Amino acid sequence: MHSGDITIDDITKVEGSACLSVKVANDQVSDLKFIIKDYRRFYTRAVRGKPALTAPSFLSRICGTCSVAHLFASIEAVEKSQGMAVSEQTKILRRLAYDGLMLRDHALHLYFFVLPDILGVDSILDIPDNVNNLGHQLLHDSFYIKRLGSEITDVVIGAAIHAPYPSVGGFLKLPDPGKFPDLITRLENLRPQILRGIKTFFDWKETLVRNSDYLCLRNDKSYDFLEGEIVNSNGKRVPEEKFPEFLDSVVIPYSESEGYVFSDTHEDYLVGSLARINLNRDLLNPKTVADIKDFLTVFPSNNIYHNNLAQAIEMLHCLDDAVEILKNLKISEEKPVRNSPRAGTGVGVVEAPRGTLYHKAAVDDKGMVADYEVIVPTSQNQINIENDLKKYFNDNLGKDEENLRLEAEKIIRAYDPCMSCATNFLKIDWSRA
């Protein structure tokens, strides 16, 4: 291919709408645009002037898939703006609910979106309906994983999507511990299925290597999605409230979402499961590590396809973590913490399934939201996705156009992007001391 254009109008198997435009001249990519097409939905504008206590429930509507992640990030931001300290029981219940989220969400991406790529079929509807077929086994494994992940969140926070129990300061309703034994048994029985999935994604030898930088949340005590400091592969680490010091936003004129680069190096970077396993694999549950030592040997990895393997490993970690919590947790009656309203600003940072998610709430002295900001994982990955695609096309321009198109979609899918999440916020004007 000496020159020509490649256009993917609608990239399939992603949350929201995106497209890709590639221009080739003289056997080189002269222009490539990864375009997030979903229009901005102004959630952060709509929440201004509303009571801060109600903001998390509203902002969980940013995304149905990652509703719990947005809910918990927003709750944390509001709590910090009000100087609230929650109980250890609240922290543990949130962690348990998050294990359920990760099981459900990772299973959706890996088995419904990526598995057809591994099997060489267009969609899960094309997987042979044969109990002796590996694809059939894996697909039915995913049904059990997703269902159990959802049921954990149903028990702990009232629903898998837009959960009613979690609140600023704690829980409006506590879970029924009588339901824990059944969850424990079913989780323990699910382990072989998740291990089968890990092997499948390990055995998939698709490769795209580009030396990316990585960023994620790290708690030096445990593999944590909800608490810690922000760290990157360059060794820099900052508290959550100083997270903006890591990043500079970049206006991408052809996309509905801003992009981000490191503020000190102006390099692109990657967030998500691959970043978390690369930087936090020493903190995985010991039972998880004991069963997947061989699969962990590929990390740290710069192969974007290993984001899929990293998600599969996180599912096993979340299963083992949930079993430990359910076996040891004793529920004590308690009410949510409530303080008198005060003016303040709080930052909530969590690891959403797709990567580091940032919420910032400014609250006035009457307890109303004065300003709100959100940075989501897909926006942070946008420039990295583009640069991976540029490398792929420059390295493979000899292939036919249809093959290039299919491989480009696989690369984008490996990031597990959420376009609708990426377009929820407004222009950010950071104020730095």
Protein backbone atom coordinates (compact mmCIF):
# COMPACT_ATOMS: atom_id res chain seq x y z
CA MET A 1 0.00 0.00 0.00
CA HIS A 2 1.70 3.20 -1.23
CA SER A 3 -1.13 5.62 -0.44
CA GLY A 4 -4.78 5.62 0.50
CA ASP A 5 -7.28 6.14 3.29
CA ILE A 6 -8.64 3.68 5.84
CA THR A 7 -11.76 4.67 7.74
CA ILE A 8 -13.65 2.77 10.42
CA ASP A 9 -16.87 4.69 10.88
CA ASP A 10 -18.07 2.75 13.92
CA ILE A 11 -15.72 0.69 16.06
CA THR A 12 -17.68 -2.29 17.34
CA LYS A 13 -17.69 -3.87 20.79
CA VAL A 14 -16.88 -0.70 22.71
CA GLU A 15 -19.04 1.32 25.09
CA GLY A 16 -20.20 4.41 23.18
CA SER A 17 -19.24 5.65 19.72
CA ALA A 18 -15.77 6.01 18.21
CA CYS A 19 -14.19 5.91 14.79
CA LEU A 20 -10.74 5.78 13.22
CA SER A 21 -9.34 7.70 10.25
CA VAL A 22 -5.97 6.75 8.75
CA LYS A 23 -4.23 8.43 5.82
CA VAL A 24 -1.29 6.70 4.16
CA ALA A 25 1.20 8.35 1.81
CA ASN A 26 4.41 6.83 0.46
CA ASP A 27 4.14 3.76 2.69
CA GLN A 28 3.91 5.83 5.87
CA VAL A 29 1.03 6.95 8.04
CA SER A 30 0.74 10.66 7.29
CA ASP A 31 -2.26 11.22 9.58
CA LEU A 32 -4.19 9.10 12.08
CA LYS A 33 -7.13 10.18 14.18
CA PHE A 34 -8.81 8.13 16.91
CA ILE A 35 -12.09 9.99 17.29
CA ILE A 36 -14.41 9.79 20.29
CA LYS A 37 -17.77 10.75 18.78
CA ASP A 38 -20.14 10.70 21.76
CA TYR A 39 -21.27 14.24 22.51
CA ARG A 40 -20.66 15.80 25.91
CA ARG A 41 -23.43 15.14 28.36
CA PHE A 42 -22.72 17.84 30.94
CA TYR A 43 -23.15 15.78 34.10
CA THR A 44 -20.65 17.94 35.94
CA ARG A 45 -22.51 21.10 34.94
CA ALA A 46 -25.90 19.68 35.93
CA VAL A 47 -24.78 18.77 39.45
CA ARG A 48 -23.79 22.34 40.35
CA GLY A 49 -26.12 23.96 42.86
CA LYS A 50 -27.44 20.58 44.02
CA PRO A 51 -26.94 19.19 47.55
CA ALA A 52 -23.56 17.49 47.77
CA LEU A 53 -25.12 14.51 49.56
CA THR A 54 -27.16 13.74 46.43
CA ALA A 55 -24.36 14.25 43.90
CA PRO A 56 -22.90 10.71 43.99
CA SER A 57 -26.19 9.06 43.07
CA PHE A 58 -26.61 11.46 40.16
CA LEU A 59 -23.01 11.08 38.94
CA SER A 60 -23.22 7.28 39.03
CA ARG A 61 -25.41 7.76 35.93
CA ILE A 62 -22.36 8.81 33.91
CA CYS A 63 -22.02 5.16 32.92
CA GLY A 64 -24.19 2.11 33.45
CA THR A 65 -21.24 -0.25 33.14
CA CYS A 66 -19.02 1.56 35.66
CA SER A 67 -21.82 3.00 37.79
CA VAL A 68 -20.29 1.72 41.05
CA ALA A 69 -16.88 3.21 40.23
CA HIS A 70 -18.35 6.68 39.63
CA LEU A 71 -20.54 6.32 42.72
CA PHE A 72 -17.62 5.49 45.01
CA ALA A 73 -15.29 8.12 43.51
CA SER A 74 -17.97 10.77 43.99
CA ILE A 75 -18.77 9.64 47.54
CA GLU A 76 -15.07 9.86 48.41
CA ALA A 77 -14.77 13.34 46.89
CA VAL A 78 -17.76 14.66 48.85
CA GLU A 79 -16.62 13.00 52.09
CA LYS A 80 -13.20 14.59 51.81
CA SER A 81 -14.72 17.99 51.05
CA GLN A 82 -16.62 17.68 54.34
CA GLY A 83 -13.80 16.23 56.43
CA MET A 84 -15.61 12.95 57.00
CA ALA A 85 -13.86 9.79 58.21
CA VAL A 86 -15.83 6.59 57.61
CA SER A 87 -15.72 3.36 59.62
CA GLU A 88 -13.55 0.35 58.82
CA GLN A 89 -16.73 -1.65 58.18
CA THR A 90 -17.76 0.86 55.51
CA LYS A 91 -14.35 0.57 53.85
CA ILE A 92 -14.50 -3.22 53.83
CA LEU A 93 -18.04 -3.31 52.43
CA ARG A 94 -17.05 -0.92 49.67
CA ARG A 95 -14.08 -3.15 48.85
CA LEU A 96 -16.34 -6.20 48.70
CA ALA A 97 -18.80 -4.42 46.42
CA TYR A 98 -15.90 -3.42 44.20
CA ASP A 99 -14.79 -7.05 43.91
CA GLY A 100 -18.26 -7.77 42.55
CA LEU A 101 -17.99 -4.88 40.08
CA MET A 102 -14.65 -6.09 38.74
CA LEU A 103 -15.88 -9.66 38.31
CA ARG A 104 -18.94 -8.54 36.39
CA ASP A 105 -17.29 -5.85 34.29
CA HIS A 106 -14.12 -7.74 33.36
CA ALA A 107 -16.17 -10.80 32.41
CA LEU A 108 -18.31 -8.67 30.09
CA HIS A 109 -15.28 -7.27 28.28
CA LEU A 110 -13.19 -10.43 28.13
CA TYR A 111 -15.80 -12.96 27.12
CA PHE A 112 -18.36 -10.94 25.18
CA PHE A 113 -15.99 -8.57 23.35
CA VAL A 114 -12.50 -10.16 23.24
CA LEU A 115 -13.27 -13.89 23.15
CA PRO A 116 -14.68 -13.68 19.58
CA ASP A 117 -11.32 -12.20 18.49
CA ILE A 118 -9.49 -15.17 20.01
CA LEU A 119 -11.85 -17.68 18.41
CA GLY A 120 -11.82 -15.92 15.03
CA VAL A 121 -15.58 -15.30 14.94
CA ASP A 122 -17.53 -12.08 14.60
CA SER A 123 -19.52 -12.28 17.84
CA ILE A 124 -20.54 -14.59 20.67
CA LEU A 125 -23.56 -15.58 18.56
CA ASP A 126 -21.18 -17.40 16.21
CA ILE A 127 -19.60 -19.58 18.92
CA PRO A 128 -20.60 -23.23 18.30
CA ASP A 129 -23.32 -24.48 20.63
CA ASN A 130 -21.37 -27.60 21.60
CA VAL A 131 -20.57 -28.46 25.22
CA ASN A 132 -17.23 -29.94 24.14
CA ASN A 133 -16.16 -26.72 22.42
CA LEU A 134 -13.77 -24.50 24.43
CA GLY A 135 -15.48 -21.33 23.23
CA HIS A 136 -18.84 -22.67 24.41
CA GLN A 137 -17.33 -23.55 27.81
CA LEU A 138 -15.75 -20.12 28.20
CA LEU A 139 -18.91 -18.27 27.20
CA HIS A 140 -20.95 -20.19 29.75
CA ASP A 141 -18.21 -19.57 32.33
CA SER A 142 -18.76 -15.87 31.71
CA PHE A 143 -22.48 -16.15 32.45
CA TYR A 144 -21.71 -17.56 35.90
CA ILE A 145 -18.97 -14.99 36.58
CA LYS A 146 -21.14 -12.04 35.56
CA ARG A 147 -24.13 -13.31 37.49
CA LEU A 148 -22.14 -13.87 40.67
CA GLY A 149 -20.41 -10.50 40.40
CA SER A 150 -23.82 -8.86 40.09
CA GLU A 151 -25.21 -10.82 43.03
CA ILE A 152 -22.33 -9.74 45.27
CA THR A 153 -23.18 -6.11 44.53
CA ASP A 154 -26.90 -6.84 44.93
CA VAL A 155 -26.28 -8.19 48.44
CA VAL A 156 -23.76 -5.56 49.55
CA ILE A 157 -24.97 -2.32 47.94
CA GLY A 158 -28.48 -3.12 46.72
CA ALA A 159 -27.87 -3.32 42.95
CA ALA A 160 -25.13 -3.84 40.37
CA ILE A 161 -26.00 -0.55 38.67
CA HIS A 162 -27.02 2.70 40.41
CA ALA A 163 -26.79 1.06 43.84
CA PRO A 164 -29.12 2.54 46.51
CA TYR A 165 -27.35 1.51 49.76
CA PRO A 166 -23.99 3.38 49.64
CA SER A 167 -24.11 6.96 50.85
CA VAL A 168 -21.81 9.79 51.79
CA GLY A 169 -20.55 8.73 55.23
CA GLY A 170 -21.47 5.05 55.05
CA PHE A 171 -24.45 2.87 54.15
CA LEU A 172 -28.18 3.63 54.25
CA LYS A 173 -28.83 -0.11 54.58
CA LEU A 174 -26.39 -2.83 55.61
CA PRO A 175 -26.21 -6.23 53.89
CA ASP A 176 -27.80 -9.38 55.28
CA PRO A 177 -24.92 -11.62 56.49
CA GLY A 178 -27.23 -14.61 56.15
CA LYS A 179 -26.58 -14.43 52.41
CA PHE A 180 -22.79 -14.65 52.78
CA PRO A 181 -22.40 -18.48 53.04
CA ASP A 182 -24.07 -19.08 49.68
CA LEU A 183 -21.85 -16.46 48.03
CA ILE A 184 -18.73 -18.07 49.53
CA THR A 185 -19.66 -21.53 48.23
CA ARG A 186 -20.43 -20.28 44.74
CA LEU A 187 -17.27 -18.18 44.58
CA GLU A 188 -15.11 -21.12 45.58
CA ASN A 189 -16.82 -23.31 42.97
CA LEU A 190 -16.18 -20.64 40.32
CA ARG A 191 -12.39 -20.67 40.69
CA PRO A 192 -11.69 -23.36 38.04
CA GLN A 193 -13.68 -21.44 35.44
CA ILE A 194 -11.72 -18.23 36.05
CA LEU A 195 -8.43 -20.15 35.90
CA ARG A 196 -9.54 -21.60 32.54
CA GLY A 197 -10.09 -18.07 31.29
CA ILE A 198 -6.68 -16.88 32.51
CA LYS A 199 -4.98 -19.69 30.59
CA THR A 200 -6.96 -18.81 27.45
CA PHE A 201 -5.89 -15.16 27.51
CA PHE A 202 -2.31 -16.16 28.37
CA ASP A 203 -2.17 -18.55 25.41
CA TRP A 204 -3.42 -15.87 22.97
CA LYS A 205 -0.20 -14.68 21.34
CA GLU A 206 -1.36 -11.41 19.79
CA THR A 207 1.34 -8.79 20.28
CA LEU A 208 1.72 -5.04 19.99
CA VAL A 209 4.64 -3.68 21.96
CA ARG A 210 5.37 0.00 22.42
CA ASN A 211 7.23 1.27 25.46
CA SER A 212 4.39 3.04 27.28
CA ASP A 213 4.44 4.67 30.69
CA TYR A 214 1.88 3.53 33.27
CA LEU A 215 -0.16 5.12 36.04
CA CYS A 216 -2.41 3.68 38.75
CA LEU A 217 -3.44 3.79 42.39
CA ARG A 218 -1.18 1.91 44.82
CA ASN A 219 -1.76 0.94 48.43
CA ASP A 220 1.47 -0.54 49.78
CA LYS A 221 -0.52 -2.84 52.09
CA SER A 222 -2.78 -4.57 49.56
CA TYR A 223 -3.92 -4.73 45.94
CA ASP A 224 -6.43 -1.93 46.25
CA PHE A 225 -8.88 -0.29 43.85
CA LEU A 226 -10.11 2.35 46.31
CA GLU A 227 -7.29 3.68 48.48
CA GLY A 228 -3.64 4.64 48.06
CA GLU A 229 -1.32 7.04 46.29
CA ILE A 230 -1.03 7.71 42.58
CA VAL A 231 2.14 6.14 41.16
CA ASN A 232 3.67 5.86 37.72
CA SER A 233 6.32 3.75 36.05
CA ASN A 234 8.88 6.54 36.44
CA GLY A 235 8.77 6.12 40.22
CA LYS A 236 6.81 9.28 40.93
CA ARG A 237 4.04 9.08 43.55
CA VAL A 238 1.69 11.70 44.94
CA PRO A 239 -1.32 11.74 47.31
CA GLU A 240 -4.74 11.58 45.69
CA GLU A 241 -5.44 15.27 46.24
CA LYS A 242 -2.34 16.19 44.22
CA PHE A 243 -3.28 13.96 41.30
CA PRO A 244 -3.55 16.92 38.87
CA GLU A 245 0.20 17.49 39.28
CA PHE A 246 0.75 14.38 37.20
CA LEU A 247 -1.20 15.52 34.17
CA ASP A 248 -1.63 18.14 31.50
CA SER A 249 -4.80 18.10 29.45
CA VAL A 250 -4.46 18.25 25.68
CA VAL A 251 -7.16 19.61 23.39
CA ILE A 252 -7.86 17.14 20.59
CA PRO A 253 -9.82 19.21 18.05
CA TYR A 254 -11.34 16.25 16.20
CA SER A 255 -12.48 14.41 19.35
CA GLU A 256 -15.23 15.13 21.88
CA SER A 257 -12.83 14.25 24.71
CA GLU A 258 -9.65 15.89 25.96
CA GLY A 259 -6.51 13.79 26.09
CA TYR A 260 -3.83 13.72 28.79
CA VAL A 261 -0.04 13.50 29.03
CA PHE A 262 2.38 13.52 31.96
CA SER A 263 3.00 17.11 33.03
CA ASP A 264 6.75 16.66 33.54
CA THR A 265 7.69 14.64 30.42
CA HIS A 266 4.68 15.42 28.15
CA GLU A 267 4.66 11.71 27.28
CA ASP A 268 1.51 9.64 26.80
CA TYR A 269 0.70 6.94 29.32
CA LEU A 270 -1.67 4.05 29.96
CA VAL A 271 -4.15 3.34 32.77
CA GLY A 272 -6.09 0.16 33.43
CA SER A 273 -5.48 -3.45 34.42
CA LEU A 274 -2.15 -3.67 32.59
CA ALA A 275 -0.85 -0.66 34.53
CA ARG A 276 -2.16 -2.11 37.81
CA ILE A 277 -0.59 -5.54 37.31
CA ASN A 278 2.67 -4.02 36.07
CA LEU A 279 2.98 -1.79 39.15
CA ASN A 280 1.06 -3.72 41.84
CA ARG A 281 1.47 -7.42 41.08
CA ASP A 282 3.51 -7.85 44.30
CA LEU A 283 0.31 -7.04 46.23
CA LEU A 284 -2.03 -9.64 44.68
CA ASN A 285 -3.84 -12.03 47.00
CA PRO A 286 -1.38 -14.81 48.01
CA LYS A 287 -3.84 -17.53 46.98
CA THR A 288 -4.15 -15.91 43.57
CA VAL A 289 -0.38 -15.76 43.13
CA ALA A 290 0.06 -19.40 44.17
CA ASP A 291 -2.14 -20.60 41.30
CA ILE A 292 -0.93 -18.28 38.51
CA LYS A 293 2.83 -17.97 39.01
CA ASP A 294 3.55 -19.04 35.43
CA PHE A 295 1.06 -16.53 34.01
CA LEU A 296 2.60 -13.67 35.99
CA THR A 297 6.01 -14.21 34.37
CA VAL A 298 5.06 -12.00 31.40
CA PHE A 299 4.72 -8.94 33.66
CA PRO A 300 5.79 -6.18 33.62
CA SER A 301 4.65 -6.12 30.01
CA ASN A 302 4.47 -3.49 27.27
CA ASN A 303 2.18 -5.65 25.13
CA ILE A 304 -1.23 -3.95 25.09
CA TYR A 305 -2.94 -7.31 24.52
CA HIS A 306 -1.78 -8.30 27.99
CA ASN A 307 -4.36 -5.85 29.34
CA ASN A 308 -6.82 -8.69 28.67
CA LEU A 309 -4.70 -11.17 30.63
CA ALA A 310 -4.32 -8.62 33.43
CA GLN A 311 -8.11 -8.28 33.66
CA ALA A 312 -8.48 -12.06 33.88
CA ILE A 313 -5.91 -12.16 36.70
CA GLU A 314 -7.75 -9.36 38.51
CA MET A 315 -10.93 -11.45 38.39
CA LEU A 316 -9.20 -14.25 40.29
CA HIS A 317 -7.78 -11.78 42.80
CA CYS A 318 -11.24 -10.27 43.36
CA LEU A 319 -12.74 -13.72 43.83
CA ASP A 320 -10.12 -14.63 46.46
CA ASP A 321 -10.42 -11.24 48.15
CA ALA A 322 -14.23 -11.50 48.28
CA VAL A 323 -14.08 -14.98 49.83
CA GLU A 324 -11.71 -13.73 52.55
CA ILE A 325 -13.95 -10.77 53.35
CA LEU A 326 -17.15 -12.82 53.40
CA LYS A 327 -15.61 -15.43 55.71
CA ASN A 328 -14.33 -12.87 58.22
CA LEU A 329 -16.77 -9.96 58.13
CA LYS A 330 -19.09 -9.45 61.09
CA ILE A 331 -21.75 -6.82 60.40
CA SER A 332 -22.33 -4.24 63.11
CA GLU A 333 -25.27 -1.85 63.04
CA GLU A 334 -24.19 1.72 62.31
CA LYS A 335 -25.55 4.85 60.69
CA PRO A 336 -23.79 6.96 58.05
CA VAL A 337 -21.51 9.72 59.35
CA ARG A 338 -23.11 13.15 59.07
CA ASN A 339 -21.33 16.48 59.61
CA SER A 340 -22.65 20.02 59.53
CA PRO A 341 -22.09 21.43 56.03
CA ARG A 342 -18.83 23.27 55.45
CA ALA A 343 -17.09 24.84 52.49
CA GLY A 344 -14.35 22.61 51.12
CA THR A 345 -12.88 20.75 48.18
CA GLY A 346 -12.38 16.99 48.05
CA VAL A 347 -10.74 14.59 45.64
CA GLY A 348 -11.87 11.02 45.10
CA VAL A 349 -9.65 8.65 43.15
CA VAL A 350 -10.53 5.01 42.45
CA GLU A 351 -9.43 2.39 39.97
CA ALA A 352 -12.38 1.87 37.65
CA PRO A 353 -12.26 -1.36 35.62
CA ARG A 354 -10.74 0.65 32.76
CA GLY A 355 -8.26 2.61 34.88
CA THR A 356 -7.76 5.54 37.20
CA LEU A 357 -10.91 7.61 37.70
CA TYR A 358 -10.77 11.07 39.24
CA HIS A 359 -13.61 13.08 40.83
CA LYS A 360 -13.17 16.53 42.37
CA ALA A 361 -16.00 18.20 44.32
CA ALA A 362 -16.07 21.81 45.52
CA VAL A 363 -18.82 22.34 48.10
CA ASP A 364 -20.02 25.65 49.57
CA ASP A 365 -20.81 26.37 53.22
CA LYS A 366 -24.45 25.41 52.72
CA GLY A 367 -23.52 21.94 51.50
CA MET A 368 -24.25 22.67 47.83
CA VAL A 369 -21.99 21.69 44.94
CA ALA A 370 -20.17 24.80 43.73
CA ASP A 371 -18.07 23.03 41.09
CA TYR A 372 -17.36 19.51 39.93
CA GLU A 373 -14.73 17.89 37.71
CA VAL A 374 -14.19 14.37 36.39
CA ILE A 375 -11.32 12.73 34.51
CA VAL A 376 -12.07 9.25 33.20
CA PRO A 377 -9.75 6.44 32.06
CA THR A 378 -10.56 6.45 28.36
CA SER A 379 -9.69 10.14 28.07
CA GLN A 380 -6.35 9.40 29.68
CA ASN A 381 -5.75 6.49 27.29
CA GLN A 382 -6.84 8.32 24.15
CA ILE A 383 -3.39 9.56 23.06
CA ASN A 384 -1.77 6.24 23.96
CA ILE A 385 -4.35 4.43 21.80
CA GLU A 386 -3.57 6.73 18.87
CA ASN A 387 0.18 6.20 19.19
CA ASP A 388 -0.23 2.42 19.42
CA LEU A 389 -2.31 2.50 16.24
CA LYS A 390 0.29 4.63 14.45
CA LYS A 391 2.94 2.06 15.31
CA TYR A 392 0.72 -0.80 14.21
CA PHE A 393 -0.14 0.73 10.84
CA ASN A 394 3.43 1.80 10.08
CA ASP A 395 4.67 -1.71 10.90
CA ASN A 396 1.97 -3.51 8.89
CA LEU A 397 1.07 -1.43 5.84
CA GLY A 398 1.83 -4.39 3.59
CA LYS A 399 -1.26 -6.20 4.83
CA ASP A 400 -4.61 -5.92 3.04
CA GLU A 401 -7.00 -3.23 4.18
CA GLU A 402 -9.59 -5.56 5.72
CA ASN A 403 -6.92 -7.24 7.86
CA LEU A 404 -5.63 -3.85 8.99
CA ARG A 405 -9.15 -2.81 9.90
CA LEU A 406 -9.81 -5.91 12.00
CA GLU A 407 -6.48 -5.71 13.82
CA ALA A 408 -6.99 -2.03 14.59
CA GLU A 409 -10.31 -2.82 16.25
CA LYS A 410 -8.64 -5.57 18.33
CA ILE A 411 -6.01 -3.11 19.55
CA ILE A 412 -8.63 -0.55 20.57
CA ARG A 413 -10.70 -3.27 22.27
CA ALA A 414 -7.67 -4.36 24.29
CA TYR A 415 -7.89 -1.02 26.13
CA ASP A 416 -11.53 -1.76 27.04
CA PRO A 417 -12.44 1.87 26.32
CA CYS A 418 -15.66 3.61 27.31
CA MET A 419 -16.48 6.46 24.93
CA SER A 420 -19.65 7.53 26.72
CA CYS A 421 -17.68 7.92 29.97
CA ALA A 422 -15.03 9.97 28.19
CA THR A 423 -17.40 12.75 27.21
CA ASN A 424 -19.04 13.62 30.49
CA PHE A 425 -16.86 16.49 31.67
CA LEU A 426 -16.21 20.10 30.78
CA LYS A 427 -12.96 21.95 30.11
CA ILE A 428 -10.74 21.81 33.17
CA ASP A 429 -8.92 24.87 34.42
CA TRP A 430 -6.39 23.67 36.99
CA SER A 431 -5.21 26.08 39.66
CA ARG A 432 -1.73 25.23 40.89
CA ALA A 433 0.14 26.79 43.79
